[in-house]
N, C-alpha and C. Protein backbone atom coordinates (compact mmCIF):
# COMPACT_ATOMS: atom_id res chain seq x y z
N UNK A 1 -17.49 -155.51 18.61
CA UNK A 1 -16.78 -155.17 18.16
C UNK A 1 -15.69 -155.74 16.91
N UNK A 2 -16.03 -157.25 17.22
CA UNK A 2 -15.31 -157.87 16.18
C UNK A 2 -16.43 -158.22 14.88
N UNK A 3 -17.54 -158.12 15.00
CA UNK A 3 -18.27 -157.76 14.08
C UNK A 3 -18.55 -156.64 13.29
N UNK A 4 -18.08 -155.58 13.73
CA UNK A 4 -17.98 -154.33 13.04
C UNK A 4 -16.45 -154.66 12.14
N UNK A 5 -15.62 -154.96 12.76
CA UNK A 5 -14.41 -155.36 11.77
C UNK A 5 -14.53 -156.27 10.49
N UNK A 6 -15.42 -157.34 10.78
CA UNK A 6 -15.57 -158.19 9.82
C UNK A 6 -16.63 -157.54 8.95
N UNK A 7 -17.38 -156.70 9.48
CA UNK A 7 -18.17 -155.83 8.38
C UNK A 7 -17.55 -155.33 7.62
N UNK A 8 -16.31 -154.34 8.28
CA UNK A 8 -15.78 -153.56 7.34
C UNK A 8 -15.07 -154.21 6.35
N UNK A 9 -14.50 -155.78 6.60
CA UNK A 9 -13.62 -156.54 5.60
C UNK A 9 -14.61 -157.23 4.45
N UNK A 10 -15.75 -157.38 4.97
CA UNK A 10 -16.84 -156.85 3.74
C UNK A 10 -16.88 -156.38 2.63
N UNK A 11 -17.29 -155.18 3.72
CA UNK A 11 -17.55 -153.96 2.37
C UNK A 11 -16.18 -153.65 1.69
N UNK A 12 -14.98 -153.68 2.27
CA UNK A 12 -13.88 -153.87 1.64
C UNK A 12 -13.80 -154.49 0.29
N UNK A 13 -14.14 -156.10 0.75
CA UNK A 13 -14.12 -157.05 -0.61
C UNK A 13 -14.93 -156.36 -1.77
N UNK A 14 -16.08 -155.73 -1.37
CA UNK A 14 -17.25 -155.42 -2.16
C UNK A 14 -16.50 -154.13 -2.89
N UNK A 15 -15.83 -153.15 -2.25
CA UNK A 15 -15.14 -152.03 -2.82
C UNK A 15 -14.12 -152.35 -3.69
N UNK A 16 -13.57 -153.79 -3.82
CA UNK A 16 -12.38 -154.08 -4.62
C UNK A 16 -13.32 -154.59 -5.65
N UNK A 17 -14.19 -155.16 -5.52
CA UNK A 17 -14.66 -155.73 -6.68
C UNK A 17 -15.56 -154.99 -7.12
N UNK A 18 -16.21 -153.95 -6.95
CA UNK A 18 -16.82 -152.57 -7.43
C UNK A 18 -15.55 -152.05 -8.18
N UNK A 19 -14.10 -151.99 -7.88
CA UNK A 19 -13.03 -151.09 -8.70
C UNK A 19 -12.78 -152.19 -9.94
N UNK A 20 -12.65 -153.33 -9.46
CA UNK A 20 -12.60 -154.08 -10.67
C UNK A 20 -13.37 -154.01 -11.76
N UNK A 21 -15.06 -153.85 -11.47
CA UNK A 21 -15.85 -153.78 -12.50
C UNK A 21 -15.61 -152.55 -13.36
N UNK A 22 -15.02 -151.69 -12.16
CA UNK A 22 -15.22 -150.39 -12.97
C UNK A 22 -14.17 -150.12 -13.92
N UNK A 23 -13.38 -150.83 -13.93
CA UNK A 23 -11.79 -151.00 -15.08
C UNK A 23 -12.42 -151.58 -16.18
N UNK A 24 -13.26 -152.83 -16.00
CA UNK A 24 -13.82 -153.55 -16.74
C UNK A 24 -14.72 -152.91 -17.68
N UNK A 25 -15.35 -152.57 -16.94
CA UNK A 25 -16.62 -151.44 -17.34
C UNK A 25 -16.02 -150.54 -18.49
N UNK A 26 -15.07 -149.50 -18.30
CA UNK A 26 -14.58 -148.50 -18.76
C UNK A 26 -14.35 -148.99 -20.09
N UNK A 27 -13.40 -150.18 -20.13
CA UNK A 27 -13.17 -150.98 -21.43
C UNK A 27 -14.54 -151.79 -22.21
N UNK A 28 -15.20 -152.21 -21.49
CA UNK A 28 -16.60 -152.48 -22.29
C UNK A 28 -17.26 -151.21 -22.77
N UNK A 29 -17.24 -150.03 -21.66
CA UNK A 29 -18.28 -149.06 -22.24
C UNK A 29 -17.29 -148.49 -23.70
N UNK A 30 -16.02 -148.43 -23.56
CA UNK A 30 -15.51 -147.68 -24.75
C UNK A 30 -16.09 -148.55 -25.94
N UNK A 31 -15.80 -150.01 -25.80
CA UNK A 31 -16.11 -150.75 -27.18
C UNK A 31 -17.73 -150.64 -27.59
N UNK A 32 -18.22 -150.61 -26.47
CA UNK A 32 -19.92 -150.33 -26.97
C UNK A 32 -20.46 -149.33 -27.55
N UNK A 33 -19.74 -148.24 -26.95
CA UNK A 33 -19.75 -146.84 -27.09
C UNK A 33 -21.09 -146.50 -26.37
N UNK A 34 -20.69 -146.90 -24.80
CA UNK A 34 -21.88 -146.95 -23.94
C UNK A 34 -21.59 -145.20 -23.02
N UNK A 35 -22.22 -144.65 -22.54
CA UNK A 35 -21.94 -143.55 -21.70
C UNK A 35 -21.11 -143.92 -20.53
N UNK A 36 -20.18 -143.24 -19.72
CA UNK A 36 -19.99 -143.42 -18.77
C UNK A 36 -20.65 -143.95 -17.71
N UNK A 37 -20.96 -144.73 -17.09
CA UNK A 37 -21.57 -144.89 -16.19
C UNK A 37 -20.93 -145.94 -15.32
N UNK A 38 -19.65 -146.11 -15.61
CA UNK A 38 -18.83 -146.75 -14.56
C UNK A 38 -18.17 -145.83 -13.87
N UNK A 39 -18.57 -144.68 -13.82
CA UNK A 39 -17.85 -143.48 -12.57
C UNK A 39 -19.01 -143.97 -11.68
N UNK A 40 -20.04 -144.39 -11.49
CA UNK A 40 -21.22 -144.54 -10.55
C UNK A 40 -20.48 -145.72 -9.51
N UNK A 41 -19.47 -146.10 -10.59
CA UNK A 41 -18.96 -147.72 -9.14
C UNK A 41 -18.05 -147.01 -8.35
N UNK A 42 -17.05 -145.56 -8.50
CA UNK A 42 -16.33 -144.88 -7.73
C UNK A 42 -17.24 -144.35 -6.95
N UNK A 43 -18.66 -143.96 -7.08
CA UNK A 43 -19.43 -143.14 -6.13
C UNK A 43 -20.09 -144.30 -5.08
N UNK A 44 -19.90 -145.55 -5.54
CA UNK A 44 -20.09 -146.72 -4.60
C UNK A 44 -19.40 -146.95 -3.63
N UNK A 45 -18.29 -146.93 -4.18
CA UNK A 45 -16.92 -147.28 -3.51
C UNK A 45 -16.66 -146.13 -2.54
N UNK A 46 -16.94 -144.77 -2.67
CA UNK A 46 -16.78 -143.76 -1.62
C UNK A 46 -17.72 -143.60 -0.56
N UNK A 47 -19.22 -144.16 -1.23
CA UNK A 47 -20.16 -144.11 -0.07
C UNK A 47 -19.64 -145.47 1.25
N UNK A 48 -19.11 -146.33 0.36
CA UNK A 48 -18.96 -147.81 0.88
C UNK A 48 -18.17 -147.47 2.26
N UNK A 49 -16.80 -146.76 1.81
CA UNK A 49 -15.56 -146.01 2.50
C UNK A 49 -16.07 -145.12 3.46
N UNK A 50 -16.90 -144.29 3.46
CA UNK A 50 -17.46 -143.39 4.20
C UNK A 50 -18.24 -144.20 5.44
N UNK A 51 -19.02 -145.31 4.94
CA UNK A 51 -19.72 -146.38 5.56
C UNK A 51 -19.37 -146.82 6.81
N UNK A 52 -17.93 -147.30 6.21
CA UNK A 52 -16.67 -148.16 6.91
C UNK A 52 -16.20 -147.17 7.87
N UNK A 53 -15.67 -146.23 7.10
CA UNK A 53 -15.16 -145.23 8.71
C UNK A 53 -16.20 -144.70 9.72
N UNK A 54 -17.38 -144.44 9.40
CA UNK A 54 -18.15 -144.09 10.33
C UNK A 54 -18.86 -145.55 11.42
N UNK A 55 -18.49 -146.44 10.94
CA UNK A 55 -18.93 -147.71 11.62
C UNK A 55 -17.63 -147.68 12.67
N UNK A 56 -16.52 -147.58 11.96
CA UNK A 56 -15.68 -147.72 12.98
C UNK A 56 -15.34 -146.89 14.00
N UNK A 57 -15.86 -145.91 13.48
CA UNK A 57 -15.50 -144.26 14.56
C UNK A 57 -16.79 -144.53 15.73
N UNK A 58 -17.78 -144.90 15.00
CA UNK A 58 -18.47 -145.53 16.38
C UNK A 58 -18.35 -146.40 17.47
N UNK A 59 -17.74 -147.39 17.16
CA UNK A 59 -17.18 -148.57 17.83
C UNK A 59 -15.92 -148.05 18.67
N UNK A 60 -15.08 -147.40 17.94
CA UNK A 60 -13.86 -147.04 18.85
C UNK A 60 -13.78 -145.78 19.46
N UNK A 61 -14.81 -145.03 19.21
CA UNK A 61 -14.80 -143.57 20.09
C UNK A 61 -16.43 -143.76 20.85
N UNK A 62 -16.11 -143.23 21.97
CA UNK A 62 -17.54 -143.02 22.93
C UNK A 62 -17.80 -141.57 23.34
N UNK A 63 -17.50 -140.71 22.17
CA UNK A 63 -18.07 -139.22 22.00
C UNK A 63 -19.40 -139.36 21.68
N UNK A 64 -20.18 -138.08 22.03
CA UNK A 64 -21.58 -137.87 21.69
C UNK A 64 -21.68 -137.91 20.23
N UNK A 65 -21.10 -137.30 19.49
CA UNK A 65 -21.49 -137.12 18.14
C UNK A 65 -21.32 -138.20 17.53
N UNK A 66 -19.88 -138.90 17.14
CA UNK A 66 -19.87 -140.30 16.82
C UNK A 66 -21.22 -141.34 17.35
N UNK A 67 -21.49 -141.22 18.41
CA UNK A 67 -22.19 -142.11 18.47
C UNK A 67 -23.83 -142.04 18.23
N UNK A 68 -24.39 -140.66 18.30
CA UNK A 68 -25.43 -140.28 17.52
C UNK A 68 -25.28 -140.19 15.99
N UNK A 69 -24.08 -140.27 15.27
CA UNK A 69 -24.05 -140.44 13.97
C UNK A 69 -24.26 -141.54 13.59
N UNK A 70 -23.90 -142.53 14.52
CA UNK A 70 -24.11 -144.20 14.04
C UNK A 70 -25.26 -145.07 14.71
N UNK A 71 -26.05 -144.07 15.80
CA UNK A 71 -27.13 -144.82 16.16
C UNK A 71 -28.33 -144.73 15.00
N UNK A 72 -28.33 -143.33 14.43
CA UNK A 72 -29.12 -142.75 13.57
C UNK A 72 -29.19 -143.70 12.37
N UNK A 73 -28.41 -144.93 12.22
CA UNK A 73 -28.60 -145.89 10.78
C UNK A 73 -27.62 -145.18 9.74
N UNK A 74 -27.11 -144.00 9.75
CA UNK A 74 -25.95 -143.50 8.92
C UNK A 74 -25.39 -144.41 8.04
N UNK A 75 -24.73 -145.36 8.77
CA UNK A 75 -23.80 -146.04 8.20
C UNK A 75 -24.16 -147.43 6.97
N UNK A 76 -25.75 -147.32 7.81
CA UNK A 76 -26.07 -148.70 6.99
C UNK A 76 -26.75 -147.84 5.71
N UNK A 77 -27.43 -146.83 6.11
CA UNK A 77 -28.20 -146.19 4.98
C UNK A 77 -27.23 -145.85 3.72
N UNK A 78 -26.05 -145.69 4.10
CA UNK A 78 -24.83 -145.34 2.97
C UNK A 78 -24.30 -146.55 2.52
N UNK A 79 -24.28 -148.00 3.42
CA UNK A 79 -23.90 -148.93 2.65
C UNK A 79 -25.17 -149.44 1.73
N UNK A 80 -26.48 -149.24 2.26
CA UNK A 80 -27.51 -149.64 1.19
C UNK A 80 -27.57 -148.59 0.13
N UNK A 81 -27.20 -147.53 0.00
CA UNK A 81 -27.10 -147.32 -1.13
C UNK A 81 -26.18 -147.15 -1.95
N UNK A 82 -24.93 -147.32 -1.38
CA UNK A 82 -23.31 -147.64 -2.33
C UNK A 82 -23.80 -149.15 -2.92
N UNK A 83 -24.18 -149.97 -2.49
CA UNK A 83 -24.76 -151.38 -2.67
C UNK A 83 -25.64 -150.82 -4.02
N UNK A 84 -26.88 -150.92 -3.69
CA UNK A 84 -27.31 -149.92 -4.70
C UNK A 84 -26.90 -149.89 -6.03
N UNK A 85 -26.54 -148.38 -5.64
CA UNK A 85 -25.85 -147.87 -6.99
C UNK A 85 -24.64 -149.04 -7.87
N UNK A 86 -23.88 -149.67 -6.84
CA UNK A 86 -23.01 -150.80 -7.88
C UNK A 86 -23.85 -151.84 -8.04
N UNK A 87 -24.61 -152.37 -7.77
CA UNK A 87 -25.77 -153.27 -8.57
C UNK A 87 -26.53 -152.79 -9.99
N UNK A 88 -26.84 -151.66 -9.62
CA UNK A 88 -27.71 -151.04 -10.61
C UNK A 88 -26.94 -150.72 -11.62
N UNK A 89 -25.28 -150.48 -11.37
CA UNK A 89 -24.35 -150.21 -12.67
C UNK A 89 -23.92 -151.35 -13.39
N UNK A 90 -23.86 -152.52 -12.70
CA UNK A 90 -23.38 -153.62 -13.06
C UNK A 90 -24.51 -154.48 -13.89
N UNK A 91 -25.80 -154.11 -13.57
CA UNK A 91 -26.82 -154.77 -14.34
C UNK A 91 -26.65 -153.87 -15.77
N UNK A 92 -26.62 -152.57 -15.55
CA UNK A 92 -26.16 -151.57 -16.86
C UNK A 92 -25.28 -152.20 -18.07
N UNK A 93 -24.06 -152.60 -17.33
CA UNK A 93 -22.80 -152.98 -18.10
C UNK A 93 -22.87 -154.37 -18.39
N UNK A 94 -23.35 -155.37 -17.27
CA UNK A 94 -23.02 -156.90 -17.58
C UNK A 94 -24.71 -157.46 -17.88
N UNK A 95 -25.46 -156.89 -18.12
CA UNK A 95 -27.25 -157.60 -18.27
C UNK A 95 -27.15 -158.11 -19.15
N UNK A 96 -26.18 -157.72 -20.54
CA UNK A 96 -26.37 -158.49 -21.64
C UNK A 96 -26.11 -160.01 -21.66
N UNK A 97 -25.54 -160.08 -20.76
CA UNK A 97 -24.56 -161.50 -20.48
C UNK A 97 -25.89 -162.68 -19.91
N UNK A 98 -26.91 -162.19 -19.39
CA UNK A 98 -28.05 -162.67 -18.92
C UNK A 98 -29.06 -162.84 -20.03
N UNK A 99 -28.92 -161.62 -20.83
CA UNK A 99 -29.87 -161.88 -21.87
C UNK A 99 -29.61 -162.44 -23.11
N UNK A 100 -28.44 -162.45 -23.04
CA UNK A 100 -27.98 -163.81 -24.43
C UNK A 100 -28.08 -165.04 -24.43
N UNK A 101 -28.15 -165.43 -23.08
CA UNK A 101 -28.35 -167.08 -22.62
C UNK A 101 -29.96 -167.23 -23.16
N UNK A 102 -30.82 -166.57 -23.47
CA UNK A 102 -32.15 -167.01 -23.51
C UNK A 102 -32.42 -167.83 -25.02
């Protein structure tokens, strides 16, 4: 139970980080004339939010529907997809910082 709550806190911190990056990336995208890739951060935030809800629902509830959704690994898959989307979007917007140091 406590592991699930701590994991939800970790995912919430990633959601906050993605939100901040979305705000910065929107401004950077306008300045560099990039497409609106920052919207993908909001998709990642949504996936992480749904993952948290499914995870907490599976722990707090004992009914068959929530347990079967959580035992199929759906929260972990949504977390992986959301983190991948957020990481790829970060590389797209902020990868020039690493390329500029060479």
